[in-house]
Amino acid sequence: MRQTVDSIVKEDQLINLLLDLSKFEFLMKELLNGIVLKKSKMWTKDKEQCTYYMEEVAEFFAGNRNWGGEHTDQDLSEYFKRIS
C-alpha cells in the first residue's frame, strides 16, 4: 500500500498538504476560540434582555403598564415574574 501511495504522491506535495492542513487547523482553532469567548457575553446580554421583557409583560398583566388598554390577569403576571 505504501509503495502505491509513494508512486502516486510526491514527497513535496505531501509536505505541502500537511503544511496547508496545519495552517487550516490553526485558523479553525482560533475561530472556535473566538466563538467560545463571545458566547458567554452574548448569553449574558440576551438573558438580561429577556428578563427585562418578561418583567415588562408581568407588569402589564399586573395592571402597572398601559400599552393601549386595560388588561389585568394576576395569574399571567405571576407567571411572567416567575420565568423572568
PDB file of N, CA and C in Angstrom:
ATOM      1  N   MET A   1       0.837  -1.191   0.000  1.00  0.00           N
ATOM      2  CA  MET A   1       0.000   0.000   0.000  1.00  0.00           C
ATOM      3  C   MET A   1       0.881   1.254   0.000  1.00  0.00           C
ATOM      4  N   ARG A   2       1.925   1.197   0.813  1.00  0.00           N
ATOM      5  CA  ARG A   2       2.801   2.362   0.882  1.00  0.00           C
ATOM      6  C   ARG A   2       3.502   2.600  -0.454  1.00  0.00           C
ATOM      7  N   GLN A   3       3.906   1.543  -1.112  1.00  0.00           N
ATOM      8  CA  GLN A   3       4.576   1.686  -2.412  1.00  0.00           C
ATOM      9  C   GLN A   3       3.641   2.321  -3.429  1.00  0.00           C
ATOM     10  N   THR A   4       2.380   1.941  -3.384  1.00  0.00           N
ATOM     11  CA  THR A   4       1.402   2.510  -4.313  1.00  0.00           C
ATOM     12  C   THR A   4       1.220   4.001  -4.052  1.00  0.00           C
ATOM     13  N   VAL A   5       1.071   4.375  -2.784  1.00  0.00           N
ATOM     14  CA  VAL A   5       0.912   5.788  -2.433  1.00  0.00           C
ATOM     15  C   VAL A   5       2.179   6.563  -2.783  1.00  0.00           C
ATOM     16  N   ASP A   6       3.355   5.985  -2.501  1.00  0.00           N
ATOM     17  CA  ASP A   6       4.620   6.650  -2.823  1.00  0.00           C
ATOM     18  C   ASP A   6       4.776   6.869  -4.321  1.00  0.00           C
ATOM     19  N   SER A   7       4.254   5.979  -5.112  1.00  0.00           N
ATOM     20  CA  SER A   7       4.382   6.126  -6.560  1.00  0.00           C
ATOM     21  C   SER A   7       3.423   7.185  -7.113  1.00  0.00           C
ATOM     22  N   ILE A   8       2.321   7.421  -6.395  1.00  0.00           N
ATOM     23  CA  ILE A   8       1.331   8.404  -6.869  1.00  0.00           C
ATOM     24  C   ILE A   8       1.630   9.799  -6.335  1.00  0.00           C
ATOM     25  N   VAL A   9       1.951   9.890  -5.063  1.00  0.00           N
ATOM     26  CA  VAL A   9       2.115  11.177  -4.385  1.00  0.00           C
ATOM     27  C   VAL A   9       3.601  11.459  -4.207  1.00  0.00           C
ATOM     28  N   LYS A  10       3.989  12.660  -4.646  1.00  0.00           N
ATOM     29  CA  LYS A  10       5.381  13.055  -4.457  1.00  0.00           C
ATOM     30  C   LYS A  10       5.557  13.612  -3.054  1.00  0.00           C
ATOM     31  N   GLU A  11       6.772  13.481  -2.549  1.00  0.00           N
ATOM     32  CA  GLU A  11       7.054  13.869  -1.162  1.00  0.00           C
ATOM     33  C   GLU A  11       6.795  15.354  -0.923  1.00  0.00           C
ATOM     34  N   ASP A  12       7.181  16.214  -1.839  1.00  0.00           N
ATOM     35  CA  ASP A  12       6.975  17.655  -1.635  1.00  0.00           C
ATOM     36  C   ASP A  12       5.487  18.014  -1.649  1.00  0.00           C
ATOM     37  N   GLN A  13       4.686  17.303  -2.422  1.00  0.00           N
ATOM     38  CA  GLN A  13       3.241  17.538  -2.415  1.00  0.00           C
ATOM     39  C   GLN A  13       2.633  17.148  -1.073  1.00  0.00           C
ATOM     40  N   LEU A  14       3.100  16.044  -0.531  1.00  0.00           N
ATOM     41  CA  LEU A  14       2.603  15.581   0.761  1.00  0.00           C
ATOM     42  C   LEU A  14       2.978  16.569   1.867  1.00  0.00           C
ATOM     43  N   ILE A  15       4.198  17.071   1.823  1.00  0.00           N
ATOM     44  CA  ILE A  15       4.625  18.056   2.815  1.00  0.00           C
ATOM     45  C   ILE A  15       3.805  19.328   2.699  1.00  0.00           C
ATOM     46  N   ASN A  16       3.565  19.787   1.469  1.00  0.00           N
ATOM     47  CA  ASN A  16       2.733  20.983   1.274  1.00  0.00           C
ATOM     48  C   ASN A  16       1.309  20.758   1.778  1.00  0.00           C
ATOM     49  N   LEU A  17       0.786  19.583   1.539  1.00  0.00           N
ATOM     50  CA  LEU A  17      -0.552  19.260   2.034  1.00  0.00           C
ATOM     51  C   LEU A  17      -0.588  19.305   3.559  1.00  0.00           C
ATOM     52  N   LEU A  18       0.391  18.713   4.197  1.00  0.00           N
ATOM     53  CA  LEU A  18       0.442  18.719   5.661  1.00  0.00           C
ATOM     54  C   LEU A  18       0.599  20.138   6.206  1.00  0.00           C
ATOM     55  N   LEU A  19       1.395  20.958   5.557  1.00  0.00           N
ATOM     56  CA  LEU A  19       1.552  22.355   5.996  1.00  0.00           C
ATOM     57  C   LEU A  19       0.246  23.134   5.828  1.00  0.00           C
ATOM     58  N   ASP A  20      -0.431  22.915   4.712  1.00  0.00           N
ATOM     59  CA  ASP A  20      -1.724  23.584   4.492  1.00  0.00           C
ATOM     60  C   ASP A  20      -2.756  23.127   5.517  1.00  0.00           C
ATOM     61  N   LEU A  21      -2.763  21.831   5.824  1.00  0.00           N
ATOM     62  CA  LEU A  21      -3.695  21.309   6.821  1.00  0.00           C
ATOM     63  C   LEU A  21      -3.413  21.885   8.208  1.00  0.00           C
ATOM     64  N   SER A  22      -2.141  22.029   8.548  1.00  0.00           N
ATOM     65  CA  SER A  22      -1.812  22.585   9.863  1.00  0.00           C
ATOM     66  C   SER A  22      -2.207  24.052   9.932  1.00  0.00           C
ATOM     67  N   LYS A  23      -2.062  24.792   8.842  1.00  0.00           N
ATOM     68  CA  LYS A  23      -2.495  26.197   8.807  1.00  0.00           C
ATOM     69  C   LYS A  23      -4.013  26.283   8.952  1.00  0.00           C
ATOM     70  N   PHE A  24      -4.719  25.406   8.250  1.00  0.00           N
ATOM     71  CA  PHE A  24      -6.181  25.365   8.363  1.00  0.00           C
ATOM     72  C   PHE A  24      -6.607  25.025   9.782  1.00  0.00           C
ATOM     73  N   GLU A  25      -5.938  24.062  10.396  1.00  0.00           N
ATOM     74  CA  GLU A  25      -6.258  23.670  11.758  1.00  0.00           C
ATOM     75  C   GLU A  25      -6.055  24.837  12.725  1.00  0.00           C
ATOM     76  N   PHE A  26      -4.967  25.584  12.545  1.00  0.00           N
ATOM     77  CA  PHE A  26      -4.698  26.732  13.400  1.00  0.00           C
ATOM     78  C   PHE A  26      -5.791  27.791  13.246  1.00  0.00           C
ATOM     79  N   LEU A  27      -6.153  28.100  12.002  1.00  0.00           N
ATOM     80  CA  LEU A  27      -7.194  29.107  11.759  1.00  0.00           C
ATOM     81  C   LEU A  27      -8.543  28.657  12.325  1.00  0.00           C
ATOM     82  N   MET A  28      -8.870  27.384  12.186  1.00  0.00           N
ATOM     83  CA  MET A  28     -10.125  26.851  12.719  1.00  0.00           C
ATOM     84  C   MET A  28     -10.135  26.933  14.246  1.00  0.00           C
ATOM     85  N   LYS A  29      -9.007  26.607  14.856  1.00  0.00           N
ATOM     86  CA  LYS A  29      -8.901  26.667  16.311  1.00  0.00           C
ATOM     87  C   LYS A  29      -9.091  28.108  16.794  1.00  0.00           C
ATOM     88  N   GLU A  30      -8.480  29.068  16.128  1.00  0.00           N
ATOM     89  CA  GLU A  30      -8.623  30.480  16.504  1.00  0.00           C
ATOM     90  C   GLU A  30     -10.071  30.943  16.354  1.00  0.00           C
ATOM     91  N   LEU A  31     -10.712  30.523  15.291  1.00  0.00           N
ATOM     92  CA  LEU A  31     -12.115  30.886  15.065  1.00  0.00           C
ATOM     93  C   LEU A  31     -13.010  30.320  16.158  1.00  0.00           C
ATOM     94  N   LEU A  32     -12.828  29.061  16.478  1.00  0.00           N
ATOM     95  CA  LEU A  32     -13.656  28.429  17.512  1.00  0.00           C
ATOM     96  C   LEU A  32     -13.389  29.025  18.893  1.00  0.00           C
ATOM     97  N   ASN A  33     -12.143  29.352  19.189  1.00  0.00           N
ATOM     98  CA  ASN A  33     -11.842  30.018  20.461  1.00  0.00           C
ATOM     99  C   ASN A  33     -12.543  31.370  20.548  1.00  0.00           C
ATOM    100  N   GLY A  34     -12.573  32.113  19.448  1.00  0.00           N
ATOM    101  CA  GLY A  34     -13.271  33.396  19.426  1.00  0.00           C
ATOM    102  C   GLY A  34     -14.761  33.239  19.661  1.00  0.00           C
ATOM    103  N   ILE A  35     -15.347  32.210  19.066  1.00  0.00           N
ATOM    104  CA  ILE A  35     -16.770  31.955  19.252  1.00  0.00           C
ATOM    105  C   ILE A  35     -17.070  31.609  20.705  1.00  0.00           C
ATOM    106  N   VAL A  36     -16.228  30.774  21.297  1.00  0.00           N
ATOM    107  CA  VAL A  36     -16.445  30.375  22.692  1.00  0.00           C
ATOM    108  C   VAL A  36     -16.345  31.589  23.614  1.00  0.00           C
ATOM    109  N   LEU A  37     -15.391  32.470  23.365  1.00  0.00           N
ATOM    110  CA  LEU A  37     -15.241  33.660  24.195  1.00  0.00           C
ATOM    111  C   LEU A  37     -16.445  34.594  24.072  1.00  0.00           C
ATOM    112  N   LYS A  38     -16.983  34.730  22.870  1.00  0.00           N
ATOM    113  CA  LYS A  38     -18.120  35.620  22.646  1.00  0.00           C
ATOM    114  C   LYS A  38     -19.424  35.018  23.159  1.00  0.00           C
ATOM    115  N   LYS A  39     -19.489  33.696  23.225  1.00  0.00           N
ATOM    116  CA  LYS A  39     -20.729  33.022  23.609  1.00  0.00           C
ATOM    117  C   LYS A  39     -21.202  33.458  24.988  1.00  0.00           C
ATOM    118  N   SER A  40     -20.302  33.534  25.919  1.00  0.00           N
ATOM    119  CA  SER A  40     -20.661  33.905  27.280  1.00  0.00           C
ATOM    120  C   SER A  40     -21.213  35.327  27.334  1.00  0.00           C
ATOM    121  N   LYS A  41     -20.559  36.247  26.635  1.00  0.00           N
ATOM    122  CA  LYS A  41     -21.028  37.641  26.611  1.00  0.00           C
ATOM    123  C   LYS A  41     -22.401  37.740  25.944  1.00  0.00           C
ATOM    124  N   MET A  42     -22.571  37.039  24.833  1.00  0.00           N
ATOM    125  CA  MET A  42     -23.859  37.071  24.133  1.00  0.00           C
ATOM    126  C   MET A  42     -24.957  36.466  25.000  1.00  0.00           C
ATOM    127  N   TRP A  43     -24.661  35.364  25.679  1.00  0.00           N
ATOM    128  CA  TRP A  43     -25.647  34.699  26.533  1.00  0.00           C
ATOM    129  C   TRP A  43     -26.086  35.632  27.648  1.00  0.00           C
ATOM    130  N   THR A  44     -25.141  36.289  28.300  1.00  0.00           N
ATOM    131  CA  THR A  44     -25.460  37.194  29.398  1.00  0.00           C
ATOM    132  C   THR A  44     -26.309  38.356  28.910  1.00  0.00           C
ATOM    133  N   LYS A  45     -25.930  38.950  27.787  1.00  0.00           N
ATOM    134  CA  LYS A  45     -26.679  40.083  27.229  1.00  0.00           C
ATOM    135  C   LYS A  45     -28.102  39.663  26.861  1.00  0.00           C
ATOM    136  N   ASP A  46     -28.244  38.552  26.175  1.00  0.00           N
ATOM    137  CA  ASP A  46     -29.568  38.085  25.766  1.00  0.00           C
ATOM    138  C   ASP A  46     -30.429  37.696  26.968  1.00  0.00           C
ATOM    139  N   LYS A  47     -29.805  37.092  27.986  1.00  0.00           N
ATOM    140  CA  LYS A  47     -30.538  36.705  29.189  1.00  0.00           C
ATOM    141  C   LYS A  47     -31.076  37.945  29.907  1.00  0.00           C
ATOM    142  N   GLU A  48     -30.257  38.982  30.015  1.00  0.00           N
ATOM    143  CA  GLU A  48     -30.694  40.220  30.661  1.00  0.00           C
ATOM    144  C   GLU A  48     -31.834  40.880  29.880  1.00  0.00           C
ATOM    145  N   GLN A  49     -31.732  40.861  28.567  1.00  0.00           N
ATOM    146  CA  GLN A  49     -32.772  41.449  27.731  1.00  0.00           C
ATOM    147  C   GLN A  49     -34.084  40.677  27.866  1.00  0.00           C
ATOM    148  N   CYS A  50     -34.028  39.371  27.869  1.00  0.00           N
ATOM    149  CA  CYS A  50     -35.234  38.557  28.030  1.00  0.00           C
ATOM    150  C   CYS A  50     -35.859  38.766  29.406  1.00  0.00           C
ATOM    151  N   THR A  51     -35.017  38.855  30.419  1.00  0.00           N
ATOM    152  CA  THR A  51     -35.522  39.107  31.768  1.00  0.00           C
ATOM    153  C   THR A  51     -36.251  40.433  31.823  1.00  0.00           C
ATOM    154  N   TYR A  52     -35.684  41.464  31.210  1.00  0.00           N
ATOM    155  CA  TYR A  52     -36.326  42.775  31.179  1.00  0.00           C
ATOM    156  C   TYR A  52     -37.700  42.696  30.507  1.00  0.00           C
ATOM    157  N   TYR A  53     -37.768  42.030  29.355  1.00  0.00           N
ATOM    158  CA  TYR A  53     -39.041  41.930  28.631  1.00  0.00           C
ATOM    159  C   TYR A  53     -40.073  41.117  29.410  1.00  0.00           C
ATOM    160  N   MET A  54     -39.637  40.036  30.067  1.00  0.00           N
ATOM    161  CA  MET A  54     -40.577  39.240  30.866  1.00  0.00           C
ATOM    162  C   MET A  54     -41.117  40.064  32.037  1.00  0.00           C
ATOM    163  N   GLU A  55     -40.262  40.881  32.642  1.00  0.00           N
ATOM    164  CA  GLU A  55     -40.720  41.744  33.735  1.00  0.00           C
ATOM    165  C   GLU A  55     -41.701  42.795  33.225  1.00  0.00           C
ATOM    166  N   GLU A  56     -41.457  43.313  32.032  1.00  0.00           N
ATOM    167  CA  GLU A  56     -42.386  44.284  31.444  1.00  0.00           C
ATOM    168  C   GLU A  56     -43.755  43.654  31.187  1.00  0.00           C
ATOM    169  N   VAL A  57     -43.758  42.438  30.655  1.00  0.00           N
ATOM    170  CA  VAL A  57     -45.024  41.744  30.406  1.00  0.00           C
ATOM    171  C   VAL A  57     -45.732  41.454  31.730  1.00  0.00           C
ATOM    172  N   ALA A  58     -44.967  41.062  32.744  1.00  0.00           N
ATOM    173  CA  ALA A  58     -45.561  40.805  34.058  1.00  0.00           C
ATOM    174  C   ALA A  58     -46.193  42.077  34.615  1.00  0.00           C
ATOM    175  N   GLU A  59     -45.519  43.209  34.461  1.00  0.00           N
ATOM    176  CA  GLU A  59     -46.070  44.483  34.927  1.00  0.00           C
ATOM    177  C   GLU A  59     -47.337  44.854  34.146  1.00  0.00           C
ATOM    178  N   PHE A  60     -47.350  44.536  32.861  1.00  0.00           N
ATOM    179  CA  PHE A  60     -48.539  44.816  32.048  1.00  0.00           C
ATOM    180  C   PHE A  60     -49.738  44.033  32.573  1.00  0.00           C
ATOM    181  N   PHE A  61     -49.542  42.732  32.808  1.00  0.00           N
ATOM    182  CA  PHE A  61     -50.659  41.922  33.286  1.00  0.00           C
ATOM    183  C   PHE A  61     -51.013  42.224  34.737  1.00  0.00           C
ATOM    184  N   ALA A  62     -50.118  42.827  35.472  1.00  0.00           N
ATOM    185  CA  ALA A  62     -50.438  43.246  36.844  1.00  0.00           C
ATOM    186  C   ALA A  62     -51.218  44.565  36.837  1.00  0.00           C
ATOM    187  N   GLY A  63     -51.332  45.200  35.661  1.00  0.00           N
ATOM    188  CA  GLY A  63     -52.062  46.458  35.552  1.00  0.00           C
ATOM    189  C   GLY A  63     -51.198  47.677  35.796  1.00  0.00           C
ATOM    190  N   ASN A  64     -49.883  47.501  35.857  1.00  0.00           N
ATOM    191  CA  ASN A  64     -48.983  48.624  36.115  1.00  0.00           C
ATOM    192  C   ASN A  64     -48.465  49.286  34.850  1.00  0.00           C
ATOM    193  N   ARG A  65     -48.701  48.696  33.691  1.00  0.00           N
ATOM    194  CA  ARG A  65     -48.290  49.276  32.407  1.00  0.00           C
ATOM    195  C   ARG A  65     -49.527  49.386  31.526  1.00  0.00           C
ATOM    196  N   ASN A  66     -49.612  50.471  30.799  1.00  0.00           N
ATOM    197  CA  ASN A  66     -50.738  50.671  29.888  1.00  0.00           C
ATOM    198  C   ASN A  66     -50.193  50.721  28.467  1.00  0.00           C
ATOM    199  N   TRP A  67     -50.395  49.641  27.756  1.00  0.00           N
ATOM    200  CA  TRP A  67     -49.941  49.574  26.363  1.00  0.00           C
ATOM    201  C   TRP A  67     -51.132  49.637  25.415  1.00  0.00           C
ATOM    202  N   GLY A  68     -52.010  50.565  25.661  1.00  0.00           N
ATOM    203  CA  GLY A  68     -53.138  50.753  24.765  1.00  0.00           C
ATOM    204  C   GLY A  68     -54.419  50.109  25.251  1.00  0.00           C
ATOM    205  N   GLY A  69     -54.499  49.751  26.493  1.00  0.00           N
ATOM    206  CA  GLY A  69     -55.723  49.162  27.005  1.00  0.00           C
ATOM    207  C   GLY A  69     -55.513  48.593  28.386  1.00  0.00           C
ATOM    208  N   GLU A  70     -56.596  48.351  29.043  1.00  0.00           N
ATOM    209  CA  GLU A  70     -56.549  47.787  30.388  1.00  0.00           C
ATOM    210  C   GLU A  70     -56.697  46.273  30.304  1.00  0.00           C
ATOM    211  N   HIS A  71     -55.691  45.562  30.706  1.00  0.00           N
ATOM    212  CA  HIS A  71     -55.728  44.102  30.752  1.00  0.00           C
ATOM    213  C   HIS A  71     -55.041  43.684  32.038  1.00  0.00           C
ATOM    214  N   THR A  72     -55.784  43.135  32.938  1.00  0.00           N
ATOM    215  CA  THR A  72     -55.159  42.626  34.159  1.00  0.00           C
ATOM    216  C   THR A  72     -55.454  41.138  34.282  1.00  0.00           C
ATOM    217  N   ASP A  73     -54.420  40.417  34.587  1.00  0.00           N
ATOM    218  CA  ASP A  73     -54.530  38.986  34.811  1.00  0.00           C
ATOM    219  C   ASP A  73     -53.431  38.617  35.801  1.00  0.00           C
ATOM    220  N   GLN A  74     -53.793  38.442  37.028  1.00  0.00           N
ATOM    221  CA  GLN A  74     -52.816  38.197  38.090  1.00  0.00           C
ATOM    222  C   GLN A  74     -52.053  36.898  37.859  1.00  0.00           C
ATOM    223  N   ASP A  75     -52.703  35.881  37.315  1.00  0.00           N
ATOM    224  CA  ASP A  75     -52.020  34.612  37.050  1.00  0.00           C
ATOM    225  C   ASP A  75     -50.903  34.795  36.020  1.00  0.00           C
ATOM    226  N   LEU A  76     -51.225  35.501  34.927  1.00  0.00           N
ATOM    227  CA  LEU A  76     -50.199  35.746  33.918  1.00  0.00           C
ATOM    228  C   LEU A  76     -49.096  36.647  34.462  1.00  0.00           C
ATOM    229  N   SER A  77     -49.460  37.608  35.280  1.00  0.00           N
ATOM    230  CA  SER A  77     -48.457  38.484  35.889  1.00  0.00           C
ATOM    231  C   SER A  77     -47.484  37.673  36.731  1.00  0.00           C
ATOM    232  N   GLU A  78     -48.000  36.797  37.566  1.00  0.00           N
ATOM    233  CA  GLU A  78     -47.140  35.960  38.403  1.00  0.00           C
ATOM    234  C   GLU A  78     -46.305  35.000  37.565  1.00  0.00           C
ATOM    235  N   TYR A  79     -46.893  34.473  36.492  1.00  0.00           N
ATOM    236  CA  TYR A  79     -46.180  33.549  35.620  1.00  0.00           C
ATOM    237  C   TYR A  79     -44.956  34.232  34.998  1.00  0.00           C
ATOM    238  N   PHE A  80     -45.160  35.418  34.431  1.00  0.00           N
ATOM    239  CA  PHE A  80     -44.047  36.102  33.789  1.00  0.00           C
ATOM    240  C   PHE A  80     -43.010  36.588  34.783  1.00  0.00           C
ATOM    241  N   LYS A  81     -43.406  36.947  35.970  1.00  0.00           N
ATOM    242  CA  LYS A  81     -42.421  37.293  37.000  1.00  0.00           C
ATOM    243  C   LYS A  81     -41.595  36.074  37.370  1.00  0.00           C
ATOM    244  N   ARG A  82     -42.259  34.920  37.445  1.00  0.00           N
ATOM    245  CA  ARG A  82     -41.578  33.690  37.825  1.00  0.00           C
ATOM    246  C   ARG A  82     -40.561  33.271  36.753  1.00  0.00           C
ATOM    247  N   ILE A  83     -40.930  33.360  35.485  1.00  0.00           N
ATOM    248  CA  ILE A  83     -39.988  32.910  34.447  1.00  0.00           C
ATOM    249  C   ILE A  83     -38.909  33.935  34.153  1.00  0.00           C
ATOM    250  N   SER A  84     -39.147  35.179  34.542  1.00  0.00           N
ATOM    251  CA  SER A  84     -38.075  36.170  34.296  1.00  0.00           C
ATOM    252  C   SER A  84     -36.941  35.946  35.265  1.00  0.00           C
TER     253      SER A  84
END
